[in-house]
């Protein structure tokens, strides 16, 4: 057992009890600690992610990476010992559970797992539905290499390359990384291809070289320091990517002579380096970019042992007092460059730069490049992918597309163009619309935080947590109704027509002169959530959907199952409440 883990278990128990009002066991608290320190999820957002208990299918908790669209199925073992056979059994159980959910064989599982796992599976894009990693976490000491060897030599159904095992030492290090200054490798040396074959550059504050490093040097670094500082300055943990990993493995297997040409290489940040012939001596260093490349080279299990060379940049600071800041700066700067997402390819597009510039004049910071936040004080900050989602939902009535993947906003030209290529800066009405939509997003976030804790029943809470895009789309319907862009009768007679009428730009909540704007918006959001929850319950009871996530996954479901119920609700009590308050969306 570990004092570090035990102390954090105490913290987790206190935090969860504060949030839920219920005490939890150390076993369950261990899962909360892992969500906090391994997956960087705050305690308030963890409550529904921990699923352990009777009939949990071997799944103690679940995490989802939106950016990578990856699902993590996790088993936590708060125990002093764990055998290899137990690990294989637990992995098999988790994998079997996932397969049963995919086949809708879920009757044997507990209600929390049904809700949480089904929602998570339904969040996976249809073209990447198997992007699932199976993790075992244990507070015991364990020979991970031995465990993986046993897994690879045992017949089982689960995919071995989708397994990660964390032991007490690794978990301790992750906790300490968050709590304290990140460790580095104190000293080591690496070999170059030729003596003095490097390109040197320096500024007033930094110095560096570009060189070619022998592959065996990288393997030795990995073997000695993979869990002891080698990657601790890399702000992104190694994330398995089948396409990239398989490409590197193919090169290692059969094309090592061309590795230098086919790989971006690695970046090492250090306190000091010194070139001595064909050797570089490194002091206080870490690999800040290229962890994926290093890991795959270091853990290569194939038969090709031929040496090859890897492009390498080594950067050092000249100021000892600024070392901590320097490490952070280099890690952030280099890791913000990759992997490349469709959003990145648009970060310098003229329409994106113009949008950022005029919003800055309105004291709104629009982040158009990952990791590159505007300097200064702003009333509100928003990322361009988040803005794209709410525009697509509110104005274009496509909440399913907006929710199913931020990538589609940027890599589908027709979608991107109607969101961003509309010259907002040239039209006062379009400007007013964007400013008010961003303000609406800010106010909505406050309402969402309030109701996450209390005030709604479980299904309504799920709708709120998973349905932002749908809620914004229905607020967009309210906007059309209150402004007469579509009459209530026409909408009730043909609910789907709301998606075909032209959108009329203009300001909305900024025109409202009452002093109860937030109160009315709260009532609007709550009414919409109640309507959607009722629609979901109807669809679920009639086997039209499997989960809240699935219910709001596509535009087709939005029009078939949600908009029609929304139109019907306008004549009911909840609709009356809604209509009494949606005048906040009235254009001037």
Protein backbone atom coordinates (compact mmCIF):
# COMPACT_ATOMS: atom_id res chain seq x y z
CA UNK A 1 0.00 0.00 0.00
CA UNK A 2 1.03 3.63 -0.41
CA UNK A 3 0.87 6.55 2.02
CA UNK A 4 0.35 8.91 -0.93
CA UNK A 5 -2.64 6.94 -2.23
CA UNK A 6 -4.05 6.47 1.28
CA UNK A 7 -3.93 10.20 1.99
CA UNK A 8 -5.72 10.98 -1.27
CA UNK A 9 -8.35 8.35 -0.51
CA UNK A 10 -9.15 10.34 2.63
CA UNK A 11 -9.47 13.50 0.56
CA UNK A 12 -11.71 11.75 -1.98
CA UNK A 13 -14.02 10.39 0.70
CA UNK A 14 -14.46 13.88 2.14
CA UNK A 15 -15.06 15.50 -1.25
CA UNK A 16 -17.55 12.90 -2.47
CA UNK A 17 -19.45 12.96 0.80
CA UNK A 18 -19.69 16.75 0.53
CA UNK A 19 -21.11 16.48 -2.99
CA UNK A 20 -23.47 13.52 -2.54
CA UNK A 21 -24.18 13.52 1.16
CA UNK A 22 -23.24 9.82 1.31
CA UNK A 23 -20.15 8.17 2.75
CA UNK A 24 -18.12 5.82 0.53
CA UNK A 25 -15.71 2.93 1.09
CA UNK A 26 -11.96 3.11 0.54
CA UNK A 27 -12.38 0.86 -2.53
CA UNK A 28 -14.77 3.31 -4.15
CA UNK A 29 -12.68 6.29 -3.05
CA UNK A 30 -9.69 4.73 -4.84
CA UNK A 31 -11.63 4.98 -8.12
CA UNK A 32 -12.34 8.65 -7.43
CA UNK A 33 -8.63 9.28 -6.77
CA UNK A 34 -7.75 7.68 -10.11
CA UNK A 35 -10.33 9.78 -11.97
CA UNK A 36 -8.87 12.89 -10.36
CA UNK A 37 -5.17 12.23 -10.92
CA UNK A 38 -5.00 9.93 -13.96
CA UNK A 39 -7.86 11.42 -15.98
CA UNK A 40 -7.94 14.98 -14.56
CA UNK A 41 -11.68 14.89 -13.80
CA UNK A 42 -12.88 17.06 -10.90
CA UNK A 43 -14.72 15.34 -8.05
CA UNK A 44 -18.00 17.12 -8.84
CA UNK A 45 -18.02 15.56 -12.34
CA UNK A 46 -17.07 12.05 -11.17
CA UNK A 47 -20.16 10.92 -9.31
CA UNK A 48 -21.82 9.08 -12.20
CA UNK A 49 -18.55 7.68 -13.56
CA UNK A 50 -17.90 5.29 -10.67
CA UNK A 51 -19.92 2.12 -11.29
CA UNK A 52 -18.46 -0.51 -8.96
CA UNK A 53 -20.73 -2.62 -6.80
CA UNK A 54 -22.94 -5.65 -7.22
CA UNK A 55 -23.33 -6.70 -10.87
CA UNK A 56 -20.82 -4.13 -12.17
CA UNK A 57 -19.47 -6.46 -14.88
CA UNK A 58 -15.92 -5.87 -13.67
CA UNK A 59 -16.17 -2.16 -14.49
CA UNK A 60 -15.35 0.03 -11.48
CA UNK A 61 -15.30 3.35 -13.34
CA UNK A 62 -15.40 4.84 -16.80
CA UNK A 63 -13.66 7.82 -18.41
CA UNK A 64 -14.10 9.36 -21.84
CA UNK A 65 -11.63 11.48 -23.81
CA UNK A 66 -13.62 13.83 -26.04
CA UNK A 67 -10.65 15.03 -28.05
CA UNK A 68 -9.52 11.51 -28.91
CA UNK A 69 -13.06 10.06 -28.90
CA UNK A 70 -11.71 7.25 -26.72
CA UNK A 71 -13.45 5.27 -24.00
CA UNK A 72 -11.54 3.98 -20.97
CA UNK A 73 -13.03 0.95 -19.19
CA UNK A 74 -11.36 0.69 -15.78
CA UNK A 75 -11.01 -1.78 -12.91
CA UNK A 76 -9.45 -0.51 -9.65
CA UNK A 77 -7.99 -2.96 -7.18
CA UNK A 78 -7.32 -1.39 -3.78
CA UNK A 79 -5.37 -4.38 -2.52
CA UNK A 80 -1.92 -5.42 -1.39
CA UNK A 81 -1.54 -8.19 -3.96
CA UNK A 82 -2.83 -9.06 -7.41
CA UNK A 83 -1.95 -12.11 -9.51
CA UNK A 84 -1.51 -12.24 -13.28
CA UNK A 85 -4.41 -14.68 -13.52
CA UNK A 86 -6.65 -12.26 -11.63
CA UNK A 87 -5.71 -9.50 -14.08
CA UNK A 88 -6.57 -11.67 -17.08
CA UNK A 89 -9.87 -12.65 -15.47
CA UNK A 90 -10.80 -9.02 -14.79
CA UNK A 91 -9.85 -7.92 -18.31
CA UNK A 92 -11.93 -10.72 -19.76
CA UNK A 93 -14.86 -9.73 -17.58
CA UNK A 94 -14.66 -6.07 -18.65
CA UNK A 95 -14.37 -6.99 -22.32
CA UNK A 96 -17.31 -9.40 -22.04
CA UNK A 97 -19.38 -6.66 -20.41
CA UNK A 98 -18.70 -4.27 -23.29
CA UNK A 99 -19.63 -6.95 -25.84
CA UNK A 100 -22.86 -7.65 -23.98
CA UNK A 101 -23.76 -3.96 -24.04
CA UNK A 102 -23.09 -3.85 -27.78
CA UNK A 103 -25.54 -6.74 -28.16
CA UNK A 104 -28.04 -5.12 -25.72
CA UNK A 105 -27.68 -8.02 -23.28
CA UNK A 106 -27.65 -5.79 -20.21
CA UNK A 107 -30.28 -7.18 -17.84
CA UNK A 108 -27.76 -8.65 -15.39
CA UNK A 109 -25.94 -5.37 -14.69
CA UNK A 110 -26.59 -2.68 -12.08
CA UNK A 111 -28.48 0.46 -13.01
CA UNK A 112 -25.54 2.84 -12.65
CA UNK A 113 -23.41 0.76 -15.02
CA UNK A 114 -26.28 0.49 -17.51
CA UNK A 115 -26.69 4.23 -17.66
CA UNK A 116 -23.01 5.24 -17.59
CA UNK A 117 -21.54 2.61 -19.91
CA UNK A 118 -24.38 2.82 -22.43
CA UNK A 119 -24.01 6.60 -22.58
CA UNK A 120 -20.26 6.27 -23.02
CA UNK A 121 -20.51 3.65 -25.78
CA UNK A 122 -23.08 5.76 -27.59
CA UNK A 123 -20.66 8.72 -27.52
CA UNK A 124 -18.13 6.81 -29.65
CA UNK A 125 -18.32 7.87 -33.32
CA UNK A 126 -19.75 5.20 -35.59
CA UNK A 127 -16.52 5.12 -37.62
CA UNK A 128 -14.42 4.53 -34.48
CA UNK A 129 -16.73 2.45 -32.30
CA UNK A 130 -13.91 0.18 -31.06
CA UNK A 131 -11.67 2.95 -29.74
CA UNK A 132 -11.75 1.45 -26.25
CA UNK A 133 -8.92 0.92 -23.78
CA UNK A 134 -9.11 -1.53 -20.87
CA UNK A 135 -7.22 -0.35 -17.77
CA UNK A 136 -6.30 -2.19 -14.58
CA UNK A 137 -5.24 -0.01 -11.63
CA UNK A 138 -3.84 -1.58 -8.48
CA UNK A 139 -2.41 -0.30 -5.21
CA UNK A 140 -0.20 -3.41 -5.18
CA UNK A 141 3.36 -3.78 -6.46
CA UNK A 142 3.37 -5.73 -9.70
CA UNK A 143 5.67 -6.83 -12.51
CA UNK A 144 3.86 -5.15 -15.40
CA UNK A 145 6.15 -6.64 -18.06
CA UNK A 146 5.54 -10.09 -16.60
CA UNK A 147 1.80 -9.47 -16.56
CA UNK A 148 1.79 -8.31 -20.18
CA UNK A 149 3.91 -11.30 -21.20
CA UNK A 150 1.40 -13.62 -19.53
CA UNK A 151 -1.46 -11.79 -21.29
CA UNK A 152 0.26 -12.08 -24.68
CA UNK A 153 0.88 -15.80 -24.15
CA UNK A 154 -2.65 -16.60 -22.97
CA UNK A 155 -5.71 -17.28 -25.10
CA UNK A 156 -8.45 -14.73 -24.44
CA UNK A 157 -11.03 -12.61 -26.28
CA UNK A 158 -9.91 -9.10 -25.34
CA UNK A 159 -7.32 -7.27 -27.52
CA UNK A 160 -3.92 -7.28 -25.77
CA UNK A 161 -2.81 -4.03 -27.42
CA UNK A 162 -5.77 -2.22 -25.84
CA UNK A 163 -4.65 -3.06 -22.28
CA UNK A 164 -2.82 -0.77 -19.85
CA UNK A 165 -1.83 -1.73 -16.31
CA UNK A 166 -1.04 0.85 -13.62
CA UNK A 167 0.72 -0.24 -10.41
CA UNK A 168 1.13 1.49 -7.06
CA UNK A 169 4.42 3.11 -8.13
CA UNK A 170 2.97 4.55 -11.32
CA UNK A 171 -0.11 5.86 -9.54
CA UNK A 172 2.05 7.45 -6.85
CA UNK A 173 4.09 9.22 -9.52
CA UNK A 174 0.98 10.52 -11.26
CA UNK A 175 -0.34 11.96 -8.00
CA UNK A 176 3.01 13.54 -7.20
CA UNK A 177 3.25 15.01 -10.69
CA UNK A 178 0.05 16.91 -10.11
CA UNK A 179 0.99 18.01 -6.61
CA UNK A 180 4.64 18.88 -6.96
CA UNK A 181 7.22 20.06 -9.44
CA UNK A 182 7.69 17.52 -12.17
CA UNK A 183 10.83 15.32 -11.91
CA UNK A 184 13.47 15.01 -14.62
CA UNK A 185 16.26 12.58 -15.43
CA UNK A 186 19.33 13.91 -13.61
CA UNK A 187 22.04 12.84 -16.05
CA UNK A 188 22.51 10.60 -19.06
CA UNK A 189 24.29 10.58 -22.41
CA UNK A 190 23.11 9.76 -25.91
CA UNK A 191 24.97 8.84 -29.11
CA UNK A 192 24.91 10.77 -32.42
CA UNK A 193 25.34 9.41 -35.93
CA UNK A 194 28.69 11.20 -36.42
CA UNK A 195 31.06 13.23 -34.28
CA UNK A 196 30.06 16.91 -34.14
CA UNK A 197 27.27 16.38 -36.68
CA UNK A 198 24.68 18.83 -35.36
CA UNK A 199 23.12 22.20 -36.14
CA UNK A 200 23.43 24.74 -33.31
CA UNK A 201 21.30 27.79 -32.52
CA UNK A 202 20.95 30.13 -29.57
CA UNK A 203 19.18 33.26 -28.33
CA UNK A 204 19.66 35.41 -25.24
CA UNK A 205 17.74 32.94 -23.09
CA UNK A 206 17.96 29.55 -24.83
CA UNK A 207 20.41 27.37 -26.70
CA UNK A 208 19.84 24.23 -28.67
CA UNK A 209 20.99 21.73 -31.26
CA UNK A 210 19.32 19.68 -33.97
CA UNK A 211 20.93 16.27 -34.32
CA UNK A 212 20.45 12.60 -35.21
CA UNK A 213 20.32 10.22 -32.25
CA UNK A 214 21.13 6.53 -32.38
CA UNK A 215 18.09 4.32 -31.79
CA UNK A 216 19.85 2.21 -29.15
CA UNK A 217 20.35 5.36 -27.07
CA UNK A 218 16.60 5.95 -27.06
CA UNK A 219 15.94 2.32 -26.10
CA UNK A 220 18.38 2.62 -23.19
CA UNK A 221 16.75 5.86 -21.99
CA UNK A 222 13.34 4.20 -22.13
CA UNK A 223 14.51 1.09 -20.28
CA UNK A 224 16.13 3.08 -17.48
CA UNK A 225 13.87 6.10 -17.05
CA UNK A 226 10.42 5.50 -18.59
CA UNK A 227 8.84 5.66 -15.15
CA UNK A 228 11.41 7.96 -13.58
CA UNK A 229 11.27 11.37 -15.20
CA UNK A 230 11.80 10.65 -18.90
CA UNK A 231 8.27 11.70 -19.87
CA UNK A 232 7.19 13.71 -16.85
CA UNK A 233 7.50 17.07 -18.61
CA UNK A 234 5.41 15.88 -21.54
CA UNK A 235 2.01 17.47 -20.82
CA UNK A 236 0.28 14.79 -22.92
CA UNK A 237 0.40 11.22 -21.76
CA UNK A 238 0.99 8.61 -24.44
CA UNK A 239 -2.34 8.00 -26.11
CA UNK A 240 -2.59 4.88 -28.21
CA UNK A 241 -3.47 5.75 -31.82
CA UNK A 242 -3.90 2.69 -34.00
CA UNK A 243 -3.14 4.45 -37.29
CA UNK A 244 0.02 6.20 -36.07
CA UNK A 245 1.23 3.28 -33.94
CA UNK A 246 0.86 0.77 -36.75
CA UNK A 247 2.78 3.06 -39.11
CA UNK A 248 5.71 3.37 -36.68
CA UNK A 249 5.68 -0.37 -35.99
CA UNK A 250 5.76 -1.13 -39.74
CA UNK A 251 8.77 1.14 -40.14
CA UNK A 252 10.51 -0.54 -37.19
CA UNK A 253 9.78 -3.95 -38.69
CA UNK A 254 10.79 -3.40 -42.29
CA UNK A 255 11.95 0.13 -43.16
CA UNK A 256 14.42 1.30 -40.51
CA UNK A 257 16.71 2.94 -43.06
CA UNK A 258 13.95 5.47 -43.73
CA UNK A 259 12.81 6.07 -40.15
CA UNK A 260 14.55 9.48 -40.11
CA UNK A 261 12.49 10.59 -43.12
CA UNK A 262 9.17 9.18 -41.94
CA UNK A 263 9.10 10.41 -38.33
CA UNK A 264 8.98 13.90 -36.79
CA UNK A 265 11.41 12.83 -34.09
CA UNK A 266 11.66 13.91 -30.47
CA UNK A 267 12.33 17.08 -28.47
CA UNK A 268 14.37 17.01 -25.25
CA UNK A 269 14.26 19.91 -22.79
CA UNK A 270 17.18 20.08 -20.38
CA UNK A 271 18.99 22.29 -17.94
CA UNK A 272 22.28 21.73 -19.71
CA UNK A 273 23.82 19.76 -22.57
CA UNK A 274 27.38 19.30 -23.81
CA UNK A 275 28.53 17.74 -27.09
CA UNK A 276 31.63 15.55 -26.82
CA UNK A 277 32.49 14.06 -30.19
CA UNK A 278 29.65 11.68 -31.07
CA UNK A 279 28.12 11.90 -27.56
CA UNK A 280 25.73 14.43 -26.00
CA UNK A 281 25.76 14.69 -22.21
CA UNK A 282 22.36 15.74 -20.82
CA UNK A 283 21.60 17.16 -17.37
CA UNK A 284 18.14 17.48 -15.75
CA UNK A 285 16.22 16.54 -18.87
CA UNK A 286 12.93 15.09 -20.08
CA UNK A 287 11.39 14.24 -23.43
CA UNK A 288 8.73 16.92 -23.89
CA UNK A 289 7.57 15.85 -27.33
CA UNK A 290 7.83 12.46 -29.00
CA UNK A 291 6.68 10.27 -26.14
CA UNK A 292 4.72 8.11 -28.57
CA UNK A 293 7.75 7.56 -30.79
CA UNK A 294 10.02 6.84 -27.81
CA UNK A 295 7.54 4.44 -26.21
CA UNK A 296 7.06 2.42 -29.39
CA UNK A 297 10.82 2.24 -30.04
CA UNK A 298 11.60 1.36 -26.43
CA UNK A 299 8.90 -1.30 -26.12
CA UNK A 300 9.39 -2.81 -29.60
CA UNK A 301 9.03 -6.61 -29.45
CA UNK A 302 9.79 -7.49 -33.07
CA UNK A 303 12.85 -9.26 -34.45
CA UNK A 304 14.47 -6.39 -36.38
CA UNK A 305 17.47 -5.18 -34.32
CA UNK A 306 19.13 -2.97 -36.94
CA UNK A 307 20.22 0.42 -35.57
CA UNK A 308 18.81 3.58 -37.12
CA UNK A 309 18.70 7.31 -36.42
CA UNK A 310 16.00 9.58 -35.05
CA UNK A 311 15.72 13.36 -35.59
CA UNK A 312 16.20 15.06 -32.24
CA UNK A 313 16.06 18.66 -31.02
CA UNK A 314 17.73 19.42 -27.69
CA UNK A 315 16.88 22.72 -25.98
CA UNK A 316 18.40 24.21 -22.81
CA UNK A 317 17.83 27.31 -20.72
CA UNK A 318 20.66 29.68 -19.83
CA UNK A 319 18.98 30.91 -16.66
CA UNK A 320 18.91 28.52 -13.70
CA UNK A 321 16.26 30.56 -11.89
CA UNK A 322 13.86 30.23 -14.83
CA UNK A 323 14.23 26.45 -15.26
CA UNK A 324 10.75 25.54 -14.03
CA UNK A 325 9.11 28.14 -16.25
CA UNK A 326 11.29 27.06 -19.18
CA UNK A 327 10.31 23.38 -18.89
CA UNK A 328 6.62 24.28 -18.80
CA UNK A 329 6.92 26.68 -21.71
CA UNK A 330 8.74 24.17 -23.94
CA UNK A 331 6.33 21.35 -23.03
CA UNK A 332 3.26 23.46 -23.72
CA UNK A 333 4.61 24.95 -26.94
CA UNK A 334 5.78 21.69 -28.50
CA UNK A 335 2.81 19.58 -27.44
CA UNK A 336 0.28 22.11 -28.73
CA UNK A 337 1.56 21.39 -32.23
CA UNK A 338 0.38 17.79 -32.53
CA UNK A 339 -1.47 15.63 -33.11
CA UNK A 340 -2.99 17.71 -35.89
CA UNK A 341 -6.77 18.02 -35.80
CA UNK A 342 -9.04 19.53 -38.45
CA UNK A 343 -9.50 22.48 -36.08
CA UNK A 344 -5.74 23.15 -36.25
CA UNK A 345 -5.80 23.32 -40.04
CA UNK A 346 -8.30 26.21 -39.84
CA UNK A 347 -6.53 28.16 -37.08
CA UNK A 348 -4.94 30.63 -39.52
CA UNK A 349 -7.86 30.82 -41.97
CA UNK A 350 -8.80 34.46 -42.78
CA UNK A 351 -12.37 34.09 -41.55
CA UNK A 352 -11.14 32.64 -38.24
CA UNK A 353 -8.60 35.41 -37.68
CA UNK A 354 -11.21 38.09 -38.51
CA UNK A 355 -13.69 36.53 -36.11
CA UNK A 356 -11.09 36.49 -33.36
CA UNK A 357 -10.04 40.08 -33.99
CA UNK A 358 -13.47 41.68 -33.82
CA UNK A 359 -14.53 39.58 -30.84
CA UNK A 360 -11.39 40.80 -29.08
CA UNK A 361 -12.66 44.34 -29.62
CA UNK A 362 -15.85 43.26 -27.84
CA UNK A 363 -13.76 42.00 -24.91
CA UNK A 364 -14.35 38.36 -25.84
CA UNK A 365 -11.40 35.99 -26.22
CA UNK A 366 -11.85 33.44 -29.00
CA UNK A 367 -9.28 30.64 -28.92
CA UNK A 368 -8.63 29.60 -32.51
CA UNK A 369 -5.40 27.69 -31.92
CA UNK A 370 -5.06 25.00 -29.27
CA UNK A 371 -2.91 26.06 -26.34
CA UNK A 372 -2.62 29.63 -27.65
CA UNK A 373 -4.75 31.79 -25.37
CA UNK A 374 -5.04 35.52 -25.93
CA UNK A 375 -3.20 37.68 -23.44
CA UNK A 376 -5.15 40.16 -21.37
CA UNK A 377 -8.34 40.31 -19.36
CA UNK A 378 -11.62 39.44 -21.10
CA UNK A 379 -15.25 39.24 -20.08
CA UNK A 380 -15.49 35.76 -21.52
CA UNK A 381 -13.37 33.17 -23.30
CA UNK A 382 -14.58 30.50 -25.71
CA UNK A 383 -12.91 28.01 -28.07
CA UNK A 384 -13.82 28.11 -31.73
CA UNK A 385 -14.94 24.47 -31.72
CA UNK A 386 -17.30 25.13 -28.79
CA UNK A 387 -18.62 28.22 -30.58
CA UNK A 388 -19.12 26.18 -33.73
CA UNK A 389 -21.18 23.63 -31.82
CA UNK A 390 -23.62 26.16 -30.42
CA UNK A 391 -23.97 28.03 -33.74
CA UNK A 392 -24.68 24.76 -35.56
CA UNK A 393 -27.24 23.84 -32.91
CA UNK A 394 -29.01 27.17 -32.33
CA UNK A 395 -28.97 28.66 -35.82
CA UNK A 396 -28.83 25.59 -38.08
CA UNK A 397 -30.79 23.07 -36.01
CA UNK A 398 -28.18 20.31 -36.26
CA UNK A 399 -27.49 19.39 -32.63
CA UNK A 400 -26.71 15.77 -33.48
CA UNK A 401 -23.96 16.74 -35.90
CA UNK A 402 -22.67 19.30 -33.40
CA UNK A 403 -22.59 16.75 -30.60
CA UNK A 404 -21.28 13.70 -32.43
CA UNK A 405 -17.86 15.19 -33.10
CA UNK A 406 -16.20 18.58 -33.11
CA UNK A 407 -14.02 17.38 -35.98
CA UNK A 408 -16.98 17.38 -38.36
CA UNK A 409 -17.38 21.12 -37.86
CA UNK A 410 -13.95 21.70 -39.37
CA UNK A 411 -13.43 18.84 -41.83
CA UNK A 412 -16.85 19.02 -43.55
CA UNK A 413 -16.67 22.06 -45.89
CA UNK A 414 -20.43 22.65 -46.12
CA UNK A 415 -20.78 22.59 -42.33
CA UNK A 416 -17.71 24.76 -41.73
CA UNK A 417 -18.71 27.33 -44.34
CA UNK A 418 -22.23 27.93 -43.01
CA UNK A 419 -20.87 28.36 -39.48
CA UNK A 420 -17.80 30.50 -40.04
CA UNK A 421 -17.77 31.83 -43.62
CA UNK A 422 -20.63 34.27 -43.13
CA UNK A 423 -18.74 37.57 -42.63
CA UNK A 424 -20.04 38.26 -39.12
CA UNK A 425 -17.81 41.33 -38.87
CA UNK A 426 -19.54 43.07 -41.81
CA UNK A 427 -23.13 42.81 -40.58
CA UNK A 428 -24.29 44.45 -37.30
CA UNK A 429 -27.14 41.94 -36.95
CA UNK A 430 -24.79 38.97 -37.33
CA UNK A 431 -22.41 40.59 -34.87
CA UNK A 432 -25.19 41.05 -32.35
CA UNK A 433 -26.24 37.41 -32.81
CA UNK A 434 -22.74 36.04 -32.16
CA UNK A 435 -22.16 38.26 -29.12
CA UNK A 436 -25.51 37.28 -27.60
CA UNK A 437 -24.96 33.59 -28.35
CA UNK A 438 -21.62 33.70 -26.53
CA UNK A 439 -23.27 35.55 -23.63
CA UNK A 440 -26.01 32.90 -23.62
CA UNK A 441 -23.34 30.19 -23.42
CA UNK A 442 -21.78 31.89 -20.40
CA UNK A 443 -25.13 32.17 -18.60
CA UNK A 444 -26.07 28.60 -19.55
CA UNK A 445 -22.84 27.29 -17.98
CA UNK A 446 -23.84 28.83 -14.65
CA UNK A 447 -27.29 27.20 -14.84
CA UNK A 448 -25.75 23.85 -15.80
CA UNK A 449 -23.39 23.97 -12.80
CA UNK A 450 -26.31 24.74 -10.49
CA UNK A 451 -28.50 21.85 -11.64
CA UNK A 452 -25.68 19.32 -11.82
CA UNK A 453 -25.79 19.21 -8.04
CA UNK A 454 -29.54 19.34 -7.29
CA UNK A 455 -32.93 20.47 -8.51
CA UNK A 456 -33.61 17.86 -11.20
CA UNK A 457 -34.54 14.18 -11.19
CA UNK A 458 -31.92 11.63 -12.41
CA UNK A 459 -33.10 11.50 -16.03
CA UNK A 460 -33.36 15.30 -16.26
CA UNK A 461 -29.85 15.59 -14.82
CA UNK A 462 -28.61 13.19 -17.51
CA UNK A 463 -30.29 15.29 -20.19
CA UNK A 464 -28.60 18.42 -18.84
CA UNK A 465 -25.18 16.77 -18.69
CA UNK A 466 -25.34 15.18 -22.13
CA UNK A 467 -27.66 17.47 -24.05
CA UNK A 468 -26.19 20.96 -24.31
CA UNK A 469 -26.41 20.97 -28.10
CA UNK A 470 -30.04 19.76 -28.06
CA UNK A 471 -30.96 22.38 -25.45
CA UNK A 472 -29.36 25.12 -27.55
CA UNK A 473 -31.18 23.88 -30.63
CA UNK A 474 -34.52 24.08 -28.81
CA UNK A 475 -33.65 27.55 -27.53
CA UNK A 476 -33.12 28.30 -31.22
CA UNK A 477 -36.68 27.09 -31.84
CA UNK A 478 -37.90 29.44 -29.08
CA UNK A 479 -36.00 32.27 -30.78
CA UNK A 480 -37.81 31.58 -34.06
CA UNK A 481 -41.22 31.31 -32.38
CA UNK A 482 -41.01 34.49 -30.31
CA UNK A 483 -39.80 36.48 -33.32
CA UNK A 484 -42.47 35.15 -35.67
CA UNK A 485 -39.96 33.46 -37.99
CA UNK A 486 -42.36 30.52 -37.76
CA UNK A 487 -45.83 30.56 -36.22
CA UNK A 488 -46.73 28.22 -33.41
CA UNK A 489 -49.49 26.63 -35.52
CA UNK A 490 -47.16 26.03 -38.45
CA UNK A 491 -44.55 24.56 -36.10
CA UNK A 492 -47.08 22.24 -34.41
CA UNK A 493 -48.45 21.10 -37.79
CA UNK A 494 -44.97 20.49 -39.23
CA UNK A 495 -42.29 20.43 -36.51
CA UNK A 496 -39.52 19.46 -38.93
CA UNK A 497 -40.01 22.68 -40.88
CA UNK A 498 -38.02 24.50 -38.21
CA UNK A 499 -34.92 23.03 -39.82
CA UNK A 500 -35.69 24.35 -43.30
CA UNK A 501 -36.77 27.97 -42.73
CA UNK A 502 -33.97 30.53 -43.27
CA UNK A 503 -32.33 31.72 -40.07
CA UNK A 504 -32.77 35.42 -39.29
CA UNK A 505 -29.76 36.91 -37.55
CA UNK A 506 -30.08 39.48 -34.81
CA UNK A 507 -29.49 40.27 -31.17
CA UNK A 508 -31.66 38.61 -28.55
CA UNK A 509 -30.92 38.59 -24.83
CA UNK A 510 -29.06 41.92 -25.05
CA UNK A 511 -32.36 43.54 -26.07
CA UNK A 512 -34.18 42.34 -22.97
CA UNK A 513 -34.65 45.26 -20.56
CA UNK A 514 -36.03 43.43 -17.51
CA UNK A 515 -33.91 42.72 -14.45
CA UNK A 516 -34.91 39.05 -14.36
CA UNK A 517 -33.01 37.78 -17.41
CA UNK A 518 -31.14 35.02 -15.56
CA UNK A 519 -34.31 33.92 -13.76
CA UNK A 520 -36.21 33.64 -17.04
CA UNK A 521 -33.35 31.83 -18.77
CA UNK A 522 -33.20 29.40 -15.86
CA UNK A 523 -36.91 28.64 -16.35
CA UNK A 524 -36.46 28.25 -20.11
CA UNK A 525 -33.61 25.78 -19.68
CA UNK A 526 -35.44 23.82 -16.99
CA UNK A 527 -38.62 23.64 -19.09
CA UNK A 528 -36.68 22.41 -22.12
CA UNK A 529 -34.90 19.79 -20.00
CA UNK A 530 -38.24 18.54 -18.67
CA UNK A 531 -39.69 18.28 -22.18
CA UNK A 532 -36.65 16.43 -23.54
CA UNK A 533 -36.62 14.11 -20.52
CA UNK A 534 -40.25 13.17 -21.17
CA UNK A 535 -39.47 12.59 -24.85
CA UNK A 536 -36.51 10.41 -23.88
CA UNK A 537 -38.59 8.37 -21.45
CA UNK A 538 -41.17 7.74 -24.19
CA UNK A 539 -38.49 6.70 -26.70
CA UNK A 540 -36.73 4.46 -24.17
CA UNK A 541 -39.95 2.75 -23.10
CA UNK A 542 -40.76 2.05 -26.75
CA UNK A 543 -37.26 0.69 -27.53
CA UNK A 544 -36.47 3.62 -29.82
CA UNK A 545 -33.24 4.46 -28.00
CA UNK A 546 -30.72 2.82 -25.66
CA UNK A 547 -29.43 5.76 -23.63
CA UNK A 548 -29.52 9.53 -23.23
CA UNK A 549 -26.36 9.80 -25.36
CA UNK A 550 -27.89 7.68 -28.10
CA UNK A 551 -31.13 9.68 -27.93
CA UNK A 552 -29.29 12.90 -28.81
CA UNK A 553 -26.64 11.48 -31.10
CA UNK A 554 -28.04 12.32 -34.54
CA UNK A 555 -30.03 15.06 -36.25
CA UNK A 556 -32.52 12.43 -37.41
CA UNK A 557 -33.36 11.51 -33.81
CA UNK A 558 -33.64 15.21 -32.97
CA UNK A 559 -36.31 15.73 -35.63
CA UNK A 560 -38.08 12.37 -35.23
CA UNK A 561 -38.13 12.02 -31.45
CA UNK A 562 -37.47 15.42 -29.87
CA UNK A 563 -38.79 18.29 -32.00
CA UNK A 564 -42.17 16.62 -32.46
CA UNK A 565 -42.56 16.12 -28.69
CA UNK A 566 -41.41 19.69 -28.13
CA UNK A 567 -44.16 20.96 -30.45
CA UNK A 568 -46.77 18.91 -28.58
CA UNK A 569 -45.54 20.22 -25.22
CA UNK A 570 -46.22 23.85 -26.19
CA UNK A 571 -49.92 23.32 -25.45
CA UNK A 572 -49.21 21.75 -22.06
CA UNK A 573 -48.39 23.31 -18.69
CA UNK A 574 -44.63 23.02 -19.24
CA UNK A 575 -45.08 24.72 -22.62
CA UNK A 576 -47.05 27.52 -21.00
CA UNK A 577 -44.19 28.08 -18.55
CA UNK A 578 -41.75 28.12 -21.44
CA UNK A 579 -43.77 30.65 -23.46
CA UNK A 580 -44.03 32.97 -20.46
CA UNK A 581 -40.26 33.25 -20.38
CA UNK A 582 -38.86 32.90 -23.89
CA UNK A 583 -39.47 36.59 -24.64
CA UNK A 584 -35.82 37.03 -23.60
CA UNK A 585 -34.97 35.91 -27.15
CA UNK A 586 -36.95 38.71 -28.80
CA UNK A 587 -35.04 40.65 -31.47
CA UNK A 588 -35.15 44.43 -31.34
